[in-house]
All heavy atoms as atom14 arrays in JSON, in Angstrom:
{
  "sequence": "LEWIDEHGDLMGNGYLSYRRRNEQTGLENQCWKDSWDAISYRDGRL",
  "atom14_mask": [
    [1, 1, 1, 1, 1, 1, 1, 1, 0, 0, 0, 0, 0, 0],
    [1, 1, 1, 1, 1, 1, 1, 1, 1, 0, 0, 0, 0, 0],
    [1, 1, 1, 1, 1, 1, 1, 1, 1, 1, 1, 1, 1, 1],
    [1, 1, 1, 1, 1, 1, 1, 1, 0, 0, 0, 0, 0, 0],
    [1, 1, 1, 1, 1, 1, 1, 1, 0, 0, 0, 0, 0, 0],
    [1, 1, 1, 1, 1, 1, 1, 1, 1, 0, 0, 0, 0, 0],
    [1, 1, 1, 1, 1, 1, 1, 1, 1, 1, 0, 0, 0, 0],
    [1, 1, 1, 1, 0, 0, 0, 0, 0, 0, 0, 0, 0, 0],
    [1, 1, 1, 1, 1, 1, 1, 1, 0, 0, 0, 0, 0, 0],
    [1, 1, 1, 1, 1, 1, 1, 1, 0, 0, 0, 0, 0, 0],
    [1, 1, 1, 1, 1, 1, 1, 1, 0, 0, 0, 0, 0, 0],
    [1, 1, 1, 1, 0, 0, 0, 0, 0, 0, 0, 0, 0, 0],
    [1, 1, 1, 1, 1, 1, 1, 1, 0, 0, 0, 0, 0, 0],
    [1, 1, 1, 1, 0, 0, 0, 0, 0, 0, 0, 0, 0, 0],
    [1, 1, 1, 1, 1, 1, 1, 1, 1, 1, 1, 1, 0, 0],
    [1, 1, 1, 1, 1, 1, 1, 1, 0, 0, 0, 0, 0, 0],
    [1, 1, 1, 1, 1, 1, 0, 0, 0, 0, 0, 0, 0, 0],
    [1, 1, 1, 1, 1, 1, 1, 1, 1, 1, 1, 1, 0, 0],
    [1, 1, 1, 1, 1, 1, 1, 1, 1, 1, 1, 0, 0, 0],
    [1, 1, 1, 1, 1, 1, 1, 1, 1, 1, 1, 0, 0, 0],
    [1, 1, 1, 1, 1, 1, 1, 1, 1, 1, 1, 0, 0, 0],
    [1, 1, 1, 1, 1, 1, 1, 1, 0, 0, 0, 0, 0, 0],
    [1, 1, 1, 1, 1, 1, 1, 1, 1, 0, 0, 0, 0, 0],
    [1, 1, 1, 1, 1, 1, 1, 1, 1, 0, 0, 0, 0, 0],
    [1, 1, 1, 1, 1, 1, 1, 0, 0, 0, 0, 0, 0, 0],
    [1, 1, 1, 1, 0, 0, 0, 0, 0, 0, 0, 0, 0, 0],
    [1, 1, 1, 1, 1, 1, 1, 1, 0, 0, 0, 0, 0, 0],
    [1, 1, 1, 1, 1, 1, 1, 1, 1, 0, 0, 0, 0, 0],
    [1, 1, 1, 1, 1, 1, 1, 1, 0, 0, 0, 0, 0, 0],
    [1, 1, 1, 1, 1, 1, 1, 1, 1, 0, 0, 0, 0, 0],
    [1, 1, 1, 1, 1, 1, 0, 0, 0, 0, 0, 0, 0, 0],
    [1, 1, 1, 1, 1, 1, 1, 1, 1, 1, 1, 1, 1, 1],
    [1, 1, 1, 1, 1, 1, 1, 1, 1, 0, 0, 0, 0, 0],
    [1, 1, 1, 1, 1, 1, 1, 1, 0, 0, 0, 0, 0, 0],
    [1, 1, 1, 1, 1, 1, 0, 0, 0, 0, 0, 0, 0, 0],
    [1, 1, 1, 1, 1, 1, 1, 1, 1, 1, 1, 1, 1, 1],
    [1, 1, 1, 1, 1, 1, 1, 1, 0, 0, 0, 0, 0, 0],
    [1, 1, 1, 1, 1, 0, 0, 0, 0, 0, 0, 0, 0, 0],
    [1, 1, 1, 1, 1, 1, 1, 1, 0, 0, 0, 0, 0, 0],
    [1, 1, 1, 1, 1, 1, 0, 0, 0, 0, 0, 0, 0, 0],
    [1, 1, 1, 1, 1, 1, 1, 1, 1, 1, 1, 1, 0, 0],
    [1, 1, 1, 1, 1, 1, 1, 1, 1, 1, 1, 0, 0, 0],
    [1, 1, 1, 1, 1, 1, 1, 1, 0, 0, 0, 0, 0, 0],
    [1, 1, 1, 1, 0, 0, 0, 0, 0, 0, 0, 0, 0, 0],
    [1, 1, 1, 1, 1, 1, 1, 1, 1, 1, 1, 0, 0, 0],
    [1, 1, 1, 1, 1, 1, 1, 1, 0, 0, 0, 0, 0, 0]
  ],
  "atom14_positions": [
    [[1.54, 19.98, -1.17], [2.25, 20.18, 0.1], [1.26, 20.22, 1.27], [1.54, 19.67, 2.35], [3.06, 21.46, 0.04], [4.24, 21.45, -0.94], [4.72, 22.86, -1.23], [5.39, 20.59, -0.41], [0.0, 0.0, 0.0], [0.0, 0.0, 0.0], [0.0, 0.0, 0.0], [0.0, 0.0, 0.0], [0.0, 0.0, 0.0], [0.0, 0.0, 0.0]],
    [[0.11, 20.84, 1.07], [-0.91, 20.85, 2.11], [-1.42, 19.45, 2.39], [-1.69, 19.09, 3.54], [-2.06, 21.76, 1.7], [-1.72, 23.24, 1.71], [-2.87, 24.1, 1.19], [-3.98, 23.54, 0.98], [-2.65, 25.3, 0.96], [0.0, 0.0, 0.0], [0.0, 0.0, 0.0], [0.0, 0.0, 0.0], [0.0, 0.0, 0.0], [0.0, 0.0, 0.0]],
    [[-1.55, 18.64, 1.34], [-2.02, 17.26, 1.54], [-1.05, 16.49, 2.43], [-1.49, 15.73, 3.31], [-2.18, 16.54, 0.19], [-2.61, 15.12, 0.39], [-3.89, 14.67, 0.52], [-1.77, 13.97, 0.54], [-3.91, 13.3, 0.74], [-2.61, 12.85, 0.76], [-0.4, 13.77, 0.52], [-2.12, 11.56, 0.95], [0.1, 12.49, 0.71], [-0.75, 11.4, 0.92]],
    [[0.25, 16.66, 2.22], [1.24, 15.95, 3.03], [0.99, 16.21, 4.51], [1.0, 15.27, 5.34], [2.66, 16.39, 2.63], [2.98, 15.93, 1.21], [3.69, 15.83, 3.62], [4.29, 16.5, 0.67], [0.0, 0.0, 0.0], [0.0, 0.0, 0.0], [0.0, 0.0, 0.0], [0.0, 0.0, 0.0], [0.0, 0.0, 0.0], [0.0, 0.0, 0.0]],
    [[0.75, 17.46, 4.89], [0.59, 17.82, 6.3], [-0.81, 17.56, 6.83], [-0.97, 17.1, 7.97], [0.94, 19.3, 6.5], [2.4, 19.59, 6.23], [3.23, 18.68, 6.41], [2.72, 20.73, 5.81], [0.0, 0.0, 0.0], [0.0, 0.0, 0.0], [0.0, 0.0, 0.0], [0.0, 0.0, 0.0], [0.0, 0.0, 0.0], [0.0, 0.0, 0.0]],
    [[-1.83, 17.84, 6.02], [-3.2, 17.79, 6.52], [-3.85, 16.42, 6.39], [-4.67, 16.03, 7.23], [-4.06, 18.83, 5.78], [-3.63, 20.27, 6.05], [-4.49, 21.27, 5.3], [-5.53, 20.85, 4.73], [-4.12, 22.46, 5.28], [0.0, 0.0, 0.0], [0.0, 0.0, 0.0], [0.0, 0.0, 0.0], [0.0, 0.0, 0.0], [0.0, 0.0, 0.0]],
    [[-3.51, 15.68, 5.35], [-4.14, 14.37, 5.12], [-3.15, 13.22, 5.22], [-3.54, 12.09, 5.52], [-4.8, 14.34, 3.74], [-5.88, 15.35, 3.56], [-7.12, 15.25, 4.16], [-5.92, 16.52, 2.86], [-7.87, 16.29, 3.82], [-7.16, 17.07, 3.04], [0.0, 0.0, 0.0], [0.0, 0.0, 0.0], [0.0, 0.0, 0.0], [0.0, 0.0, 0.0]],
    [[-1.87, 13.49, 4.95], [-0.88, 12.41, 4.95], [-0.4, 12.02, 6.33], [0.09, 10.91, 6.53], [0.0, 0.0, 0.0], [0.0, 0.0, 0.0], [0.0, 0.0, 0.0], [0.0, 0.0, 0.0], [0.0, 0.0, 0.0], [0.0, 0.0, 0.0], [0.0, 0.0, 0.0], [0.0, 0.0, 0.0], [0.0, 0.0, 0.0], [0.0, 0.0, 0.0]],
    [[-0.53, 12.91, 7.31], [-0.06, 12.62, 8.68], [-1.19, 11.96, 9.46], [-1.82, 12.58, 10.32], [0.4, 13.93, 9.34], [0.94, 13.7, 10.75], [1.15, 12.53, 11.14], [1.15, 14.71, 11.46], [0.0, 0.0, 0.0], [0.0, 0.0, 0.0], [0.0, 0.0, 0.0], [0.0, 0.0, 0.0], [0.0, 0.0, 0.0], [0.0, 0.0, 0.0]],
    [[-1.42, 10.69, 9.21], [-2.56, 9.98, 9.81], [-2.34, 9.67, 11.28], [-3.31, 9.45, 12.02], [-2.82, 8.68, 9.04], [-3.2, 8.82, 7.57], [-3.42, 7.46, 6.93], [-4.44, 9.68, 7.41], [0.0, 0.0, 0.0], [0.0, 0.0, 0.0], [0.0, 0.0, 0.0], [0.0, 0.0, 0.0], [0.0, 0.0, 0.0], [0.0, 0.0, 0.0]],
    [[-1.09, 9.62, 11.71], [-0.8, 9.26, 13.1], [-0.56, 10.49, 13.98], [-0.34, 10.36, 15.18], [0.4, 8.32, 13.16], [0.15, 6.97, 12.5], [1.44, 5.75, 12.83], [2.67, 6.19, 11.6], [0.0, 0.0, 0.0], [0.0, 0.0, 0.0], [0.0, 0.0, 0.0], [0.0, 0.0, 0.0], [0.0, 0.0, 0.0], [0.0, 0.0, 0.0]],
    [[-0.58, 11.67, 13.38], [-0.38, 12.88, 14.15], [1.01, 13.04, 14.71], [1.21, 13.79, 15.68], [0.0, 0.0, 0.0], [0.0, 0.0, 0.0], [0.0, 0.0, 0.0], [0.0, 0.0, 0.0], [0.0, 0.0, 0.0], [0.0, 0.0, 0.0], [0.0, 0.0, 0.0], [0.0, 0.0, 0.0], [0.0, 0.0, 0.0], [0.0, 0.0, 0.0]],
    [[2.0, 12.38, 14.11], [3.38, 12.45, 14.6], [4.32, 13.18, 13.64], [5.53, 13.15, 13.81], [3.92, 11.04, 14.89], [3.86, 10.13, 13.65], [3.49, 10.58, 12.56], [4.19, 8.87, 13.84], [0.0, 0.0, 0.0], [0.0, 0.0, 0.0], [0.0, 0.0, 0.0], [0.0, 0.0, 0.0], [0.0, 0.0, 0.0], [0.0, 0.0, 0.0]],
    [[3.73, 13.83, 12.62], [4.55, 14.57, 11.68], [5.14, 13.74, 10.57], [5.96, 14.24, 9.78], [0.0, 0.0, 0.0], [0.0, 0.0, 0.0], [0.0, 0.0, 0.0], [0.0, 0.0, 0.0], [0.0, 0.0, 0.0], [0.0, 0.0, 0.0], [0.0, 0.0, 0.0], [0.0, 0.0, 0.0], [0.0, 0.0, 0.0], [0.0, 0.0, 0.0]],
    [[4.73, 12.46, 10.45], [5.26, 11.58, 9.4], [4.16, 11.23, 8.4], [2.99, 11.05, 8.78], [5.84, 10.31, 10.0], [7.08, 10.55, 10.84], [7.12, 10.16, 12.17], [8.19, 11.18, 10.3], [8.25, 10.38, 12.95], [9.33, 11.41, 11.07], [9.34, 11.01, 12.39], [10.46, 11.25, 13.15], [0.0, 0.0, 0.0], [0.0, 0.0, 0.0]],
    [[4.54, 11.1, 7.17], [3.63, 10.71, 6.1], [3.33, 9.22, 6.22], [4.25, 8.39, 6.26], [4.26, 11.03, 4.74], [3.47, 10.73, 3.48], [2.1, 11.38, 3.51], [4.25, 11.2, 2.25], [0.0, 0.0, 0.0], [0.0, 0.0, 0.0], [0.0, 0.0, 0.0], [0.0, 0.0, 0.0], [0.0, 0.0, 0.0], [0.0, 0.0, 0.0]],
    [[2.06, 8.86, 6.31], [1.68, 7.46, 6.51], [0.43, 7.16, 5.68], [-0.16, 8.06, 5.07], [1.42, 7.17, 7.99], [0.46, 8.05, 8.52], [0.0, 0.0, 0.0], [0.0, 0.0, 0.0], [0.0, 0.0, 0.0], [0.0, 0.0, 0.0], [0.0, 0.0, 0.0], [0.0, 0.0, 0.0], [0.0, 0.0, 0.0], [0.0, 0.0, 0.0]],
    [[0.02, 5.91, 5.67], [-1.13, 5.53, 4.86], [-1.96, 4.46, 5.57], [-1.46, 3.65, 6.37], [-0.71, 5.02, 3.48], [0.24, 3.84, 3.51], [-0.23, 2.53, 3.64], [1.62, 4.03, 3.39], [0.64, 1.45, 3.66], [2.49, 2.95, 3.41], [2.0, 1.66, 3.55], [2.86, 0.6, 3.58], [0.0, 0.0, 0.0], [0.0, 0.0, 0.0]],
    [[-3.24, 4.48, 5.27], [-4.2, 3.43, 5.67], [-5.36, 3.55, 4.7], [-5.93, 4.63, 4.51], [-4.69, 3.65, 7.1], [-5.8, 2.66, 7.52], [-6.23, 2.91, 8.96], [-6.67, 4.29, 9.16], [-6.64, 4.91, 10.33], [-6.18, 4.31, 11.4], [-7.08, 6.17, 10.42], [0.0, 0.0, 0.0], [0.0, 0.0, 0.0], [0.0, 0.0, 0.0]],
    [[-5.72, 2.47, 4.08], [-6.78, 2.56, 3.08], [-8.14, 2.83, 3.73], [-8.44, 2.33, 4.82], [-6.84, 1.28, 2.24], [-7.26, 0.03, 3.0], [-7.36, -1.16, 2.06], [-7.7, -2.38, 2.76], [-7.94, -3.55, 2.17], [-7.84, -3.65, 0.86], [-8.24, -4.62, 2.87], [0.0, 0.0, 0.0], [0.0, 0.0, 0.0], [0.0, 0.0, 0.0]],
    [[-8.93, 3.63, 3.06], [-10.29, 3.9, 3.5], [-11.29, 3.01, 2.77], [-12.39, 2.79, 3.26], [-10.63, 5.38, 3.29], [-9.73, 6.31, 4.08], [-10.39, 7.67, 4.32], [-10.87, 8.29, 3.11], [-10.11, 9.02, 2.28], [-8.83, 9.2, 2.55], [-10.62, 9.57, 1.2], [0.0, 0.0, 0.0], [0.0, 0.0, 0.0], [0.0, 0.0, 0.0]],
    [[-10.92, 2.55, 1.6], [-11.75, 1.59, 0.87], [-11.3, 0.19, 1.29], [-10.3, -0.34, 0.78], [-11.58, 1.79, -0.64], [-12.41, 0.83, -1.46], [-12.77, -0.25, -1.02], [-12.71, 1.23, -2.69], [0.0, 0.0, 0.0], [0.0, 0.0, 0.0], [0.0, 0.0, 0.0], [0.0, 0.0, 0.0], [0.0, 0.0, 0.0], [0.0, 0.0, 0.0]],
    [[-12.0, -0.4, 2.23], [-11.58, -1.69, 2.8], [-11.84, -2.87, 1.88], [-11.31, -3.95, 2.1], [-12.28, -1.93, 4.15], [-11.87, -0.96, 5.25], [-10.45, -1.21, 5.72], [-9.92, -2.3, 5.46], [-9.87, -0.3, 6.34], [0.0, 0.0, 0.0], [0.0, 0.0, 0.0], [0.0, 0.0, 0.0], [0.0, 0.0, 0.0], [0.0, 0.0, 0.0]],
    [[-12.66, -2.68, 0.85], [-12.99, -3.8, -0.04], [-11.98, -3.96, -1.17], [-11.45, -5.05, -1.4], [-14.4, -3.62, -0.63], [-15.53, -3.9, 0.34], [-15.62, -2.85, 1.43], [-15.61, -1.66, 1.14], [-15.72, -3.29, 2.67], [0.0, 0.0, 0.0], [0.0, 0.0, 0.0], [0.0, 0.0, 0.0], [0.0, 0.0, 0.0], [0.0, 0.0, 0.0]],
    [[-11.68, -2.88, -1.87], [-10.86, -3.01, -3.07], [-9.67, -2.07, -3.09], [-8.91, -2.06, -4.06], [-11.71, -2.77, -4.34], [-12.35, -1.48, -4.23], [-12.78, -3.84, -4.49], [0.0, 0.0, 0.0], [0.0, 0.0, 0.0], [0.0, 0.0, 0.0], [0.0, 0.0, 0.0], [0.0, 0.0, 0.0], [0.0, 0.0, 0.0], [0.0, 0.0, 0.0]],
    [[-9.48, -1.26, -2.05], [-8.35, -0.36, -2.01], [-7.04, -1.1, -1.73], [-7.03, -2.22, -1.23], [0.0, 0.0, 0.0], [0.0, 0.0, 0.0], [0.0, 0.0, 0.0], [0.0, 0.0, 0.0], [0.0, 0.0, 0.0], [0.0, 0.0, 0.0], [0.0, 0.0, 0.0], [0.0, 0.0, 0.0], [0.0, 0.0, 0.0], [0.0, 0.0, 0.0]],
    [[-5.93, -0.45, -2.07], [-4.62, -1.05, -1.83], [-4.26, -0.96, -0.36], [-4.37, 0.1, 0.26], [-3.56, -0.31, -2.66], [-3.61, -0.52, -4.17], [-2.65, 0.45, -4.86], [-3.25, -1.96, -4.53], [0.0, 0.0, 0.0], [0.0, 0.0, 0.0], [0.0, 0.0, 0.0], [0.0, 0.0, 0.0], [0.0, 0.0, 0.0], [0.0, 0.0, 0.0]],
    [[-3.78, -2.08, 0.2], [-3.34, -2.07, 1.59], [-2.05, -1.27, 1.74], [-1.93, -0.4, 2.6], [-3.11, -3.5, 2.09], [-4.36, -4.27, 2.41], [-4.06, -5.58, 3.09], [-3.56, -6.5, 2.4], [-4.3, -5.7, 4.3], [0.0, 0.0, 0.0], [0.0, 0.0, 0.0], [0.0, 0.0, 0.0], [0.0, 0.0, 0.0], [0.0, 0.0, 0.0]],
    [[-1.06, -1.59, 0.92], [0.2, -0.86, 0.94], [0.17, 0.21, -0.13], [-0.02, -0.1, -1.32], [1.38, -1.8, 0.74], [1.8, -2.46, 2.04], [1.88, -1.81, 3.07], [2.07, -3.76, 1.99], [0.0, 0.0, 0.0], [0.0, 0.0, 0.0], [0.0, 0.0, 0.0], [0.0, 0.0, 0.0], [0.0, 0.0, 0.0], [0.0, 0.0, 0.0]],
    [[0.37, 1.45, 0.26], [0.25, 2.57, -0.67], [1.59, 3.27, -0.89], [1.65, 4.46, -1.16], [-0.83, 3.53, -0.16], [-2.19, 2.84, -0.11], [-3.34, 3.77, 0.24], [-3.14, 4.94, 0.53], [-4.55, 3.24, 0.21], [0.0, 0.0, 0.0], [0.0, 0.0, 0.0], [0.0, 0.0, 0.0], [0.0, 0.0, 0.0], [0.0, 0.0, 0.0]],
    [[2.65, 2.49, -0.76], [3.98, 2.92, -1.19], [4.31, 2.16, -2.48], [3.47, 1.41, -2.98], [5.01, 2.63, -0.1], [5.03, 0.92, 0.47], [0.0, 0.0, 0.0], [0.0, 0.0, 0.0], [0.0, 0.0, 0.0], [0.0, 0.0, 0.0], [0.0, 0.0, 0.0], [0.0, 0.0, 0.0], [0.0, 0.0, 0.0], [0.0, 0.0, 0.0]],
    [[5.53, 2.35, -3.04], [5.77, 1.7, -4.33], [5.8, 0.18, -4.19], [5.47, -0.54, -5.14], [7.03, 2.24, -5.0], [8.35, 1.65, -4.58], [9.25, 2.18, -3.71], [8.94, 0.43, -5.05], [10.35, 1.37, -3.59], [10.19, 0.28, -4.41], [8.53, -0.56, -5.94], [11.04, -0.8, -4.64], [9.38, -1.65, -6.18], [10.61, -1.75, -5.52]],
    [[6.16, -0.33, -3.03], [6.05, -1.77, -2.77], [4.63, -2.02, -2.27], [4.37, -2.05, -1.07], [7.09, -2.2, -1.75], [8.53, -2.05, -2.22], [9.53, -2.46, -1.13], [10.96, -2.3, -1.62], [11.96, -2.64, -0.58], [0.0, 0.0, 0.0], [0.0, 0.0, 0.0], [0.0, 0.0, 0.0], [0.0, 0.0, 0.0], [0.0, 0.0, 0.0]],
    [[3.72, -2.2, -3.2], [2.3, -2.17, -2.85], [1.63, -3.54, -2.77], [0.41, -3.62, -2.68], [1.53, -1.27, -3.81], [1.68, -1.68, -5.27], [2.29, -2.72, -5.55], [1.18, -0.94, -6.14], [0.0, 0.0, 0.0], [0.0, 0.0, 0.0], [0.0, 0.0, 0.0], [0.0, 0.0, 0.0], [0.0, 0.0, 0.0], [0.0, 0.0, 0.0]],
    [[2.39, -4.64, -2.79], [1.79, -5.95, -2.57], [1.52, -6.13, -1.08], [2.11, -5.46, -0.22], [2.7, -7.06, -3.1], [4.0, -6.95, -2.58], [0.0, 0.0, 0.0], [0.0, 0.0, 0.0], [0.0, 0.0, 0.0], [0.0, 0.0, 0.0], [0.0, 0.0, 0.0], [0.0, 0.0, 0.0], [0.0, 0.0, 0.0], [0.0, 0.0, 0.0]],
    [[0.64, -7.06, -0.75], [0.11, -7.16, 0.62], [1.17, -7.47, 1.67], [1.07, -7.05, 2.82], [-0.99, -8.23, 0.67], [-0.46, -9.63, 0.46], [-0.24, -10.26, -0.72], [-0.06, -10.56, 1.48], [0.27, -11.51, -0.54], [0.38, -11.73, 0.81], [-0.04, -10.53, 2.87], [0.84, -12.86, 1.5], [0.42, -11.65, 3.56], [0.85, -12.79, 2.87]],
    [[2.24, -8.21, 1.29], [3.24, -8.65, 2.26], [4.55, -7.89, 2.13], [5.57, -8.3, 2.68], [3.49, -10.15, 2.11], [4.02, -10.52, 0.73], [3.96, -9.68, -0.19], [4.5, -11.67, 0.57], [0.0, 0.0, 0.0], [0.0, 0.0, 0.0], [0.0, 0.0, 0.0], [0.0, 0.0, 0.0], [0.0, 0.0, 0.0], [0.0, 0.0, 0.0]],
    [[4.54, -6.76, 1.42], [5.79, -6.08, 1.11], [6.43, -5.41, 2.32], [7.65, -5.23, 2.37], [5.55, -5.03, 0.02], [0.0, 0.0, 0.0], [0.0, 0.0, 0.0], [0.0, 0.0, 0.0], [0.0, 0.0, 0.0], [0.0, 0.0, 0.0], [0.0, 0.0, 0.0], [0.0, 0.0, 0.0], [0.0, 0.0, 0.0], [0.0, 0.0, 0.0]],
    [[5.62, -5.03, 3.31], [6.13, -4.34, 4.49], [5.96, -5.26, 5.69], [4.84, -5.63, 6.05], [5.39, -3.01, 4.72], [5.4, -2.15, 3.45], [5.98, -2.25, 5.9], [6.79, -1.8, 2.95], [0.0, 0.0, 0.0], [0.0, 0.0, 0.0], [0.0, 0.0, 0.0], [0.0, 0.0, 0.0], [0.0, 0.0, 0.0], [0.0, 0.0, 0.0]],
    [[7.07, -5.64, 6.3], [7.02, -6.6, 7.4], [8.16, -6.35, 8.38], [9.15, -5.68, 8.07], [7.11, -8.03, 6.87], [8.38, -8.27, 6.28], [0.0, 0.0, 0.0], [0.0, 0.0, 0.0], [0.0, 0.0, 0.0], [0.0, 0.0, 0.0], [0.0, 0.0, 0.0], [0.0, 0.0, 0.0], [0.0, 0.0, 0.0], [0.0, 0.0, 0.0]],
    [[7.99, -6.92, 9.57], [9.08, -6.93, 10.55], [10.14, -7.94, 10.14], [9.92, -8.79, 9.26], [8.54, -7.29, 11.93], [7.83, -6.16, 12.65], [6.45, -5.98, 12.53], [8.54, -5.28, 13.45], [5.81, -4.96, 13.19], [7.91, -4.25, 14.13], [6.54, -4.09, 13.99], [5.9, -3.06, 14.65], [0.0, 0.0, 0.0], [0.0, 0.0, 0.0]],
    [[11.26, -7.88, 10.84], [12.36, -8.8, 10.56], [11.94, -10.26, 10.71], [12.37, -11.13, 9.94], [13.52, -8.49, 11.53], [14.79, -9.27, 11.28], [15.87, -8.85, 12.26], [17.17, -9.44, 11.92], [18.29, -9.21, 12.59], [18.26, -8.41, 13.67], [19.41, -9.77, 12.22], [0.0, 0.0, 0.0], [0.0, 0.0, 0.0], [0.0, 0.0, 0.0]],
    [[11.05, -10.54, 11.66], [10.61, -11.91, 11.9], [9.44, -12.32, 11.01], [8.9, -13.42, 11.13], [10.25, -12.11, 13.37], [9.11, -11.21, 13.84], [8.47, -10.55, 12.99], [8.86, -11.17, 15.07], [0.0, 0.0, 0.0], [0.0, 0.0, 0.0], [0.0, 0.0, 0.0], [0.0, 0.0, 0.0], [0.0, 0.0, 0.0], [0.0, 0.0, 0.0]],
    [[9.01, -11.44, 10.12], [7.95, -11.76, 9.17], [6.57, -11.26, 9.56], [5.64, -11.35, 8.76], [0.0, 0.0, 0.0], [0.0, 0.0, 0.0], [0.0, 0.0, 0.0], [0.0, 0.0, 0.0], [0.0, 0.0, 0.0], [0.0, 0.0, 0.0], [0.0, 0.0, 0.0], [0.0, 0.0, 0.0], [0.0, 0.0, 0.0], [0.0, 0.0, 0.0]],
    [[6.41, -10.77, 10.79], [5.11, -10.24, 11.19], [4.74, -9.02, 10.35], [5.6, -8.24, 9.96], [5.14, -9.81, 12.67], [5.16, -10.95, 13.67], [5.21, -10.39, 15.1], [6.48, -9.68, 15.35], [6.55, -8.41, 15.71], [5.44, -7.69, 15.86], [7.73, -7.84, 15.94], [0.0, 0.0, 0.0], [0.0, 0.0, 0.0], [0.0, 0.0, 0.0]],
    [[3.44, -8.89, 10.09], [2.96, -7.73, 9.35], [2.54, -6.65, 10.34], [1.83, -6.92, 11.3], [1.78, -8.1, 8.46], [2.06, -9.12, 7.35], [0.79, -9.41, 6.57], [3.15, -8.62, 6.41], [0.0, 0.0, 0.0], [0.0, 0.0, 0.0], [0.0, 0.0, 0.0], [0.0, 0.0, 0.0], [0.0, 0.0, 0.0], [0.0, 0.0, 0.0]]
  ]
}
């Protein structure tokens, strides 16, 4: 629970978010849909 508030709120807006710190081999998407293009806008932009 502490991790959710202290480390998971990367944007400081009270929401759980993610950004990889390992830029070489870490996962870009860190939700269950973890492929690179899984999260996109309606028009396809990432």
